[in-house]
C-alpha atoms as a PDB file:
ATOM      1  CA  MET A   1      99.192 117.078 100.511  1.00  0.00           C
ATOM      2  CA  THR A   2      96.030 116.436 102.501  1.00  0.00           C
ATOM      3  CA  ALA A   3      94.477 119.669 101.286  1.00  0.00           C
ATOM      4  CA  LEU A   4      95.318 118.791  97.695  1.00  0.00           C
ATOM      5  CA  LEU A   5      93.712 115.352  97.975  1.00  0.00           C
ATOM      6  CA  ALA A   6      90.662 116.868  99.684  1.00  0.00           C
ATOM      7  CA  ALA A   7      90.265 119.395  96.863  1.00  0.00           C
ATOM      8  CA  ILE A   8      90.548 116.673  94.229  1.00  0.00           C
ATOM      9  CA  SER A   9      87.971 114.494  96.001  1.00  0.00           C
ATOM     10  CA  TYR A  10      85.606 117.481  96.293  1.00  0.00           C
ATOM     11  CA  VAL A  11      85.764 118.097  92.550  1.00  0.00           C
ATOM     12  CA  LEU A  12      85.427 114.404  91.703  1.00  0.00           C
ATOM     13  CA  ALA A  13      82.312 114.146  93.888  1.00  0.00           C
ATOM     14  CA  PHE A  14      80.438 116.288  91.361  1.00  0.00           C
ATOM     15  CA  LEU A  15      81.396 114.162  88.360  1.00  0.00           C
ATOM     16  CA  ASP A  16      79.108 111.348  87.350  1.00  0.00           C
ATOM     17  CA  PHE A  17      80.782 108.685  85.248  1.00  0.00           C
ATOM     18  CA  PRO A  18      80.117 104.963  84.826  1.00  0.00           C
ATOM     19  CA  VAL A  19      82.555 102.496  86.320  1.00  0.00           C
ATOM     20  CA  PRO A  20      83.382  99.725  83.847  1.00  0.00           C
ATOM     21  CA  LEU A  21      82.134  96.211  84.629  1.00  0.00           C
ATOM     22  CA  SER A  22      79.948  97.267  87.546  1.00  0.00           C
ATOM     23  CA  LEU A  23      76.212  97.251  88.128  1.00  0.00           C
ATOM     24  CA  SER A  24      74.338 100.462  88.627  1.00  0.00           C
ATOM     25  CA  PHE A  25      72.497 100.975  91.937  1.00  0.00           C
ATOM     26  CA  GLY A  26      69.134 100.598  90.166  1.00  0.00           C
ATOM     27  CA  GLU A  27      70.013  97.054  89.103  1.00  0.00           C
ATOM     28  CA  PHE A  28      71.724  96.080  92.337  1.00  0.00           C
ATOM     29  CA  LEU A  29      69.330  97.623  94.881  1.00  0.00           C
ATOM     30  CA  PRO A  30      65.976  98.588  93.363  1.00  0.00           C
ATOM     31  CA  PHE A  31      64.928 100.979  96.157  1.00  0.00           C
ATOM     32  CA  ILE A  32      67.974 103.238  95.630  1.00  0.00           C
ATOM     33  CA  LYS A  33      67.198 105.928  93.062  1.00  0.00           C
ATOM     34  CA  ASN A  34      69.711 108.733  93.741  1.00  0.00           C
ATOM     35  CA  LYS A  35      72.825 109.614  95.744  1.00  0.00           C
ATOM     36  CA  LEU A  36      70.828 110.722  98.785  1.00  0.00           C
ATOM     37  CA  ASP A  37      69.311 107.234  99.016  1.00  0.00           C
ATOM     38  CA  VAL A  38      72.814 105.756  98.986  1.00  0.00           C
ATOM     39  CA  VAL A  39      73.725 107.911 101.971  1.00  0.00           C
ATOM     40  CA  LEU A  40      70.499 107.241 103.874  1.00  0.00           C
ATOM     41  CA  PHE A  41      70.307 103.480 103.294  1.00  0.00           C
ATOM     42  CA  ASN A  42      73.982 102.548 103.148  1.00  0.00           C
ATOM     43  CA  ALA A  43      76.494 105.029 104.531  1.00  0.00           C
ATOM     44  CA  LEU A  44      74.577 106.479 107.479  1.00  0.00           C
ATOM     45  CA  PRO A  45      73.504 103.249 109.243  1.00  0.00           C
ATOM     46  CA  PHE A  46      76.896 101.602 108.860  1.00  0.00           C
ATOM     47  CA  ASN A  47      78.766 104.705 110.015  1.00  0.00           C
ATOM     48  CA  ILE A  48      76.591 104.848 113.129  1.00  0.00           C
ATOM     49  CA  LEU A  49      77.223 101.143 113.793  1.00  0.00           C
ATOM     50  CA  LYS A  50      80.964 101.569 113.189  1.00  0.00           C
ATOM     51  CA  GLY A  51      81.077 104.526 115.577  1.00  0.00           C
ATOM     52  CA  LEU A  52      79.312 102.583 118.317  1.00  0.00           C
ATOM     53  CA  VAL A  53      81.618  99.565 117.959  1.00  0.00           C
ATOM     54  CA  ILE A  54      84.823 101.619 117.860  1.00  0.00           C
ATOM     55  CA  GLY A  55      83.623 103.792 120.758  1.00  0.00           C
ATOM     56  CA  THR A  56      82.832 100.768 122.901  1.00  0.00           C
ATOM     57  CA  ILE A  57      86.199  99.140 122.217  1.00  0.00           C
ATOM     58  CA  ALA A  58      88.043 102.414 122.875  1.00  0.00           C
ATOM     59  CA  MET A  59      86.155 102.882 126.147  1.00  0.00           C
ATOM     60  CA  MET A  60      87.101  99.396 127.372  1.00  0.00           C
ATOM     61  CA  ILE A  61      90.760  99.896 126.418  1.00  0.00           C
ATOM     62  CA  TYR A  62      90.899 103.375 127.957  1.00  0.00           C
ATOM     63  CA  LYS A  63      89.578 102.162 131.305  1.00  0.00           C
ATOM     64  CA  LYS A  64      92.422  99.649 131.537  1.00  0.00           C
ATOM     65  CA  LEU A  65      95.060 102.165 130.383  1.00  0.00           C
ATOM     66  CA  THR A  66      93.959 105.074 132.608  1.00  0.00           C
ATOM     67  CA  PRO A  67      96.356 104.238 135.490  1.00  0.00           C
ATOM     68  CA  ILE A  68      99.302 104.008 133.074  1.00  0.00           C
ATOM     69  CA  LEU A  69      98.381 107.268 131.360  1.00  0.00           C
ATOM     70  CA  LYS A  70      98.085 109.067 134.703  1.00  0.00           C
ATOM     71  CA  GLY A  71     101.430 107.691 135.898  1.00  0.00           C
ATOM     72  CA  GLU A  72     100.054 105.466 138.632  1.00  0.00           C
ATOM     73  CA  THR A  73     101.518 102.032 139.318  1.00  0.00           C
ATOM     74  CA  LEU A  74      99.567  98.895 138.549  1.00  0.00           C
ATOM     75  CA  LYS A  75      98.318  96.852 141.486  1.00  0.00           C
END
């Protein structure tokens, strides 16, 4: 099922069709001209920020859960 959805999303990524009742990127953000600009100015910075936040939270949780995961008793 995952492979089927991945194949469908791959094919749909090449289609360019207007979404009804939405603004185009040129009207909404004037400095975005093509799909590469969307990735560079929108997706990339927020994915890096999301990765840093999730990584930091996971690191703090993992430090507290390490004794439990290794089978040691809590003090």
